Amino acid sequence: MRITHEVDTPKAAASLRSTSLGGARKLGTALRFLGANALLAIGCALPVAASAAPVTYNFNLPLNAGPLAGGSYGGSFTVDDALGAGTHSGLGLLGSLDFDFAGQHWTTANAKTGSLTLDADGNLTGVLFGSHCSPSCSTFPGLDSWTLLWTGDLNFALFNYSLQGYNSTFLAIAEGSPLVERAATDVPEPSSLALLAGAALVAGAGLRRQRRD
């Protein structure tokens, strides 16, 4: 026995069109989602221009005077470029400080700033900080105390210090290249940006083709 089914051609065609349109809408929605997220990922990966953030500077001090002559001492500190251009005075201008000297670890808890200067682009062009600042900075004979003055010359800085057991202070002229240097920052890999951009272009092209169909 043969069973036959009559097919209503107009209804079948309408059903097929409805199914195709439903699938196209879902595909279009998926492509739009992919494209939006790819573009969002690109936006997150790109560096944000002119954003205020702590900037790290490394410093190195080869000393040429006093009992520590011939030694080299270094560390790092951070400055918030949101301070704006100009010379700023105050005790808490450094975001952080990491410096080992005279048998002590110096941070913003036991060392203070006297002043710092930023240019119009937020770059540090001068700084004064030390163990005893109010905000003028001083060293005291017989005490572990120090003052660092840097006025923007990468190869020149003044470091005045004293140590327990020494009834005098010692002014060391630190010379080298460089003495104070902005630390390098990470940037997005070009290959990562290219991959994200490619995903966005593919999504956009697919969406345009679907709209034409």
Protein backbone atom coordinates (compact mmCIF):
# COMPACT_ATOMS: atom_id res chain seq x y z
CA MET A 1 0.00 0.00 0.00
CA ARG A 2 1.38 3.37 -0.98
CA ILE A 3 0.71 6.35 1.17
CA THR A 4 0.80 9.69 -0.49
CA HIS A 5 0.76 13.14 1.01
CA GLU A 6 -0.53 16.08 -0.84
CA VAL A 7 1.59 19.14 -0.41
CA ASP A 8 0.04 22.53 -0.47
CA THR A 9 2.79 24.29 -2.43
CA PRO A 10 1.86 27.90 -1.52
CA LYS A 11 1.62 27.05 2.18
CA ALA A 12 4.92 25.17 2.09
CA ALA A 13 6.63 28.05 0.39
CA ALA A 14 5.24 30.48 2.95
CA SER A 15 6.41 28.23 5.78
CA LEU A 16 9.88 27.99 4.26
CA ARG A 17 10.08 31.76 3.91
CA SER A 18 8.97 32.16 7.53
CA THR A 19 11.61 29.69 8.69
CA SER A 20 14.30 31.39 6.60
CA LEU A 21 13.36 34.83 7.90
CA GLY A 22 13.42 33.56 11.48
CA GLY A 23 16.87 32.06 10.97
CA ALA A 24 18.08 35.22 9.28
CA ARG A 25 16.89 37.33 12.18
CA LYS A 26 18.72 35.08 14.64
CA LEU A 27 21.83 35.16 12.49
CA GLY A 28 21.64 38.93 12.20
CA THR A 29 21.24 39.24 15.97
CA ALA A 30 24.24 36.97 16.53
CA LEU A 31 26.38 38.92 14.08
CA ARG A 32 25.41 42.22 15.64
CA PHE A 33 26.32 40.85 19.07
CA LEU A 34 29.66 39.57 17.78
CA GLY A 35 30.45 42.86 16.08
CA ALA A 36 29.52 44.95 19.11
CA ASN A 37 31.59 42.80 21.44
CA ALA A 38 34.56 42.78 19.08
CA LEU A 39 34.49 46.56 18.88
CA LEU A 40 34.11 46.77 22.66
CA ALA A 41 37.13 44.52 23.07
CA ILE A 42 39.14 46.75 20.74
CA GLY A 43 38.12 49.80 22.76
CA CYS A 44 39.20 48.10 25.99
CA ALA A 45 42.52 47.02 24.50
CA LEU A 46 43.49 50.42 23.13
CA PRO A 47 45.33 52.77 25.48
CA VAL A 48 43.21 55.57 26.91
CA ALA A 49 44.57 58.97 25.99
CA ALA A 50 45.25 61.56 28.64
CA SER A 51 44.13 59.37 31.54
CA ALA A 52 45.37 60.31 35.00
CA ALA A 53 47.31 57.52 36.66
CA PRO A 54 50.35 57.00 38.90
CA VAL A 55 53.56 57.17 36.87
CA THR A 56 56.61 55.26 38.12
CA TYR A 57 60.11 56.76 38.05
CA ASN A 58 63.31 54.87 38.78
CA PHE A 59 66.34 56.65 40.21
CA ASN A 60 69.98 55.68 40.65
CA LEU A 61 72.51 57.64 42.73
CA PRO A 62 76.23 56.93 42.36
CA LEU A 63 77.75 58.81 45.32
CA ASN A 64 81.10 60.61 45.21
CA ALA A 65 81.39 62.09 48.72
CA GLY A 66 81.36 61.00 52.35
CA PRO A 67 81.79 57.54 53.85
CA LEU A 68 79.56 56.00 51.17
CA ALA A 69 81.55 57.40 48.23
CA GLY A 70 81.89 54.86 45.46
CA GLY A 71 78.58 53.21 46.26
CA SER A 72 75.40 53.43 44.25
CA TYR A 73 71.91 53.60 45.72
CA GLY A 74 68.63 53.47 43.84
CA GLY A 75 64.93 52.98 44.13
CA SER A 76 61.63 54.09 42.65
CA PHE A 77 58.71 56.39 43.34
CA THR A 78 55.36 57.17 41.76
CA VAL A 79 53.79 60.52 40.87
CA ASP A 80 50.17 61.15 39.91
CA ASP A 81 50.18 63.17 36.68
CA ALA A 82 46.69 64.45 37.55
CA LEU A 83 48.42 67.08 39.69
CA GLY A 84 48.76 69.20 36.56
CA ALA A 85 51.53 71.36 35.19
CA GLY A 86 53.59 73.54 37.49
CA THR A 87 55.53 73.31 40.75
CA HIS A 88 53.68 71.77 43.69
CA SER A 89 54.71 71.95 47.36
CA GLY A 90 53.58 69.53 50.03
CA LEU A 91 54.56 66.55 52.14
CA GLY A 92 52.53 63.80 50.46
CA LEU A 93 53.07 64.36 46.74
CA LEU A 94 54.56 60.92 46.07
CA GLY A 95 52.13 58.07 45.62
CA SER A 96 54.75 55.55 46.73
CA LEU A 97 58.47 55.33 47.50
CA ASP A 98 60.79 52.33 47.56
CA PHE A 99 64.35 53.18 48.64
CA ASP A 100 66.94 51.34 50.75
CA PHE A 101 69.57 53.57 52.32
CA ALA A 102 71.56 53.77 55.57
CA GLY A 103 70.27 50.40 56.72
CA GLN A 104 66.64 51.46 56.43
CA HIS A 105 63.81 50.91 53.98
CA TRP A 106 62.31 54.28 53.12
CA THR A 107 58.69 54.65 51.98
CA THR A 108 56.10 57.43 52.06
CA ALA A 109 55.55 56.47 55.70
CA ASN A 110 58.99 57.67 56.86
CA ALA A 111 60.05 60.03 54.03
CA LYS A 112 58.22 63.04 52.62
CA THR A 113 58.27 65.37 49.64
CA GLY A 114 59.25 68.99 49.59
CA SER A 115 58.13 69.79 46.06
CA LEU A 116 57.80 68.43 42.55
CA THR A 117 57.36 69.96 39.11
CA LEU A 118 55.41 68.62 36.13
CA ASP A 119 55.38 69.92 32.57
CA ALA A 120 52.28 70.42 30.40
CA ASP A 121 52.37 66.74 29.34
CA GLY A 122 52.48 65.46 32.91
CA ASN A 123 56.18 64.56 32.81
CA LEU A 124 58.25 65.05 35.94
CA THR A 125 60.87 67.78 35.51
CA GLY A 126 61.99 68.25 39.10
CA VAL A 127 61.59 66.74 42.55
CA LEU A 128 62.77 67.34 46.11
CA PHE A 129 62.17 64.72 48.79
CA GLY A 130 63.93 63.22 51.78
CA SER A 131 63.82 61.86 55.29
CA HIS A 132 63.04 65.19 57.00
CA CYS A 133 60.83 67.59 55.00
CA SER A 134 58.43 70.21 56.31
CA PRO A 135 58.13 70.80 53.23
CA SER A 136 61.67 72.23 53.06
CA CYS A 137 64.05 69.29 53.38
CA SER A 138 67.04 69.05 55.73
CA THR A 139 69.74 66.65 56.88
CA PHE A 140 71.03 66.50 60.44
CA PRO A 141 74.56 65.57 61.56
CA GLY A 142 74.65 62.39 63.57
CA LEU A 143 71.29 61.13 62.27
CA ASP A 144 70.40 58.83 59.40
CA SER A 145 68.98 61.54 57.17
CA TRP A 146 69.08 62.44 53.49
CA THR A 147 67.72 64.77 50.83
CA LEU A 148 67.47 64.20 47.09
CA LEU A 149 67.21 67.18 44.72
CA TRP A 150 66.72 66.60 40.99
CA THR A 151 65.96 69.48 38.64
CA GLY A 152 65.28 67.70 35.36
CA ASP A 153 68.81 66.98 34.15
CA LEU A 154 68.86 63.21 33.53
CA ASN A 155 72.58 63.05 34.31
CA PHE A 156 72.84 65.25 37.41
CA ALA A 157 71.35 65.23 40.92
CA LEU A 158 72.33 66.38 44.42
CA PHE A 159 72.14 63.97 47.34
CA ASN A 160 72.88 65.36 50.80
CA TYR A 161 73.14 62.80 53.60
CA SER A 162 74.34 62.11 57.10
CA LEU A 163 74.78 58.91 59.12
CA GLN A 164 74.76 57.97 62.76
CA GLY A 165 78.23 58.39 64.21
CA TYR A 166 79.23 61.15 61.81
CA ASN A 167 79.01 64.71 63.08
CA SER A 168 78.68 66.22 59.61
CA THR A 169 76.65 66.07 56.43
CA PHE A 170 77.95 65.03 53.02
CA LEU A 171 76.89 66.60 49.74
CA ALA A 172 77.26 64.07 46.94
CA ILE A 173 76.99 65.14 43.33
CA ALA A 174 75.44 62.17 41.57
CA GLU A 175 76.41 61.98 37.92
CA GLY A 176 75.48 59.27 35.47
CA SER A 177 73.05 58.30 32.76
CA PRO A 178 70.25 58.37 33.59
CA LEU A 179 69.77 59.30 37.25
CA VAL A 180 65.99 59.67 37.15
CA GLU A 181 64.04 57.85 34.47
CA ARG A 182 60.38 57.23 33.74
CA ALA A 183 59.69 53.50 33.89
CA ALA A 184 58.52 51.74 30.74
CA THR A 185 54.83 50.88 30.49
CA ASP A 186 53.12 47.98 28.74
CA VAL A 187 51.32 48.65 25.43
CA PRO A 188 48.89 46.34 23.57
CA GLU A 189 50.48 43.92 21.10
CA PRO A 190 49.79 44.94 17.46
CA SER A 191 48.83 41.34 16.62
CA SER A 192 46.11 41.36 19.31
CA LEU A 193 44.62 44.58 17.96
CA ALA A 194 44.71 43.24 14.41
CA LEU A 195 42.87 40.06 15.46
CA LEU A 196 40.14 42.01 17.20
CA ALA A 197 39.79 44.40 14.28
CA GLY A 198 39.51 41.43 11.89
CA ALA A 199 36.73 39.89 13.96
CA ALA A 200 34.79 43.15 13.89
CA LEU A 201 35.18 43.47 10.10
CA VAL A 202 34.02 39.88 9.49
CA ALA A 203 30.98 40.41 11.70
CA GLY A 204 30.10 43.66 9.96
CA ALA A 205 30.48 42.15 6.47
CA GLY A 206 28.24 39.21 7.39
CA LEU A 207 25.58 41.52 8.73
CA ARG A 208 25.63 43.65 5.57
CA ARG A 209 25.27 40.55 3.35
CA GLN A 210 22.33 39.31 5.41
CA ARG A 211 20.58 42.65 5.10
CA ARG A 212 20.99 42.60 1.31
CA ASP A 213 19.54 39.08 1.16
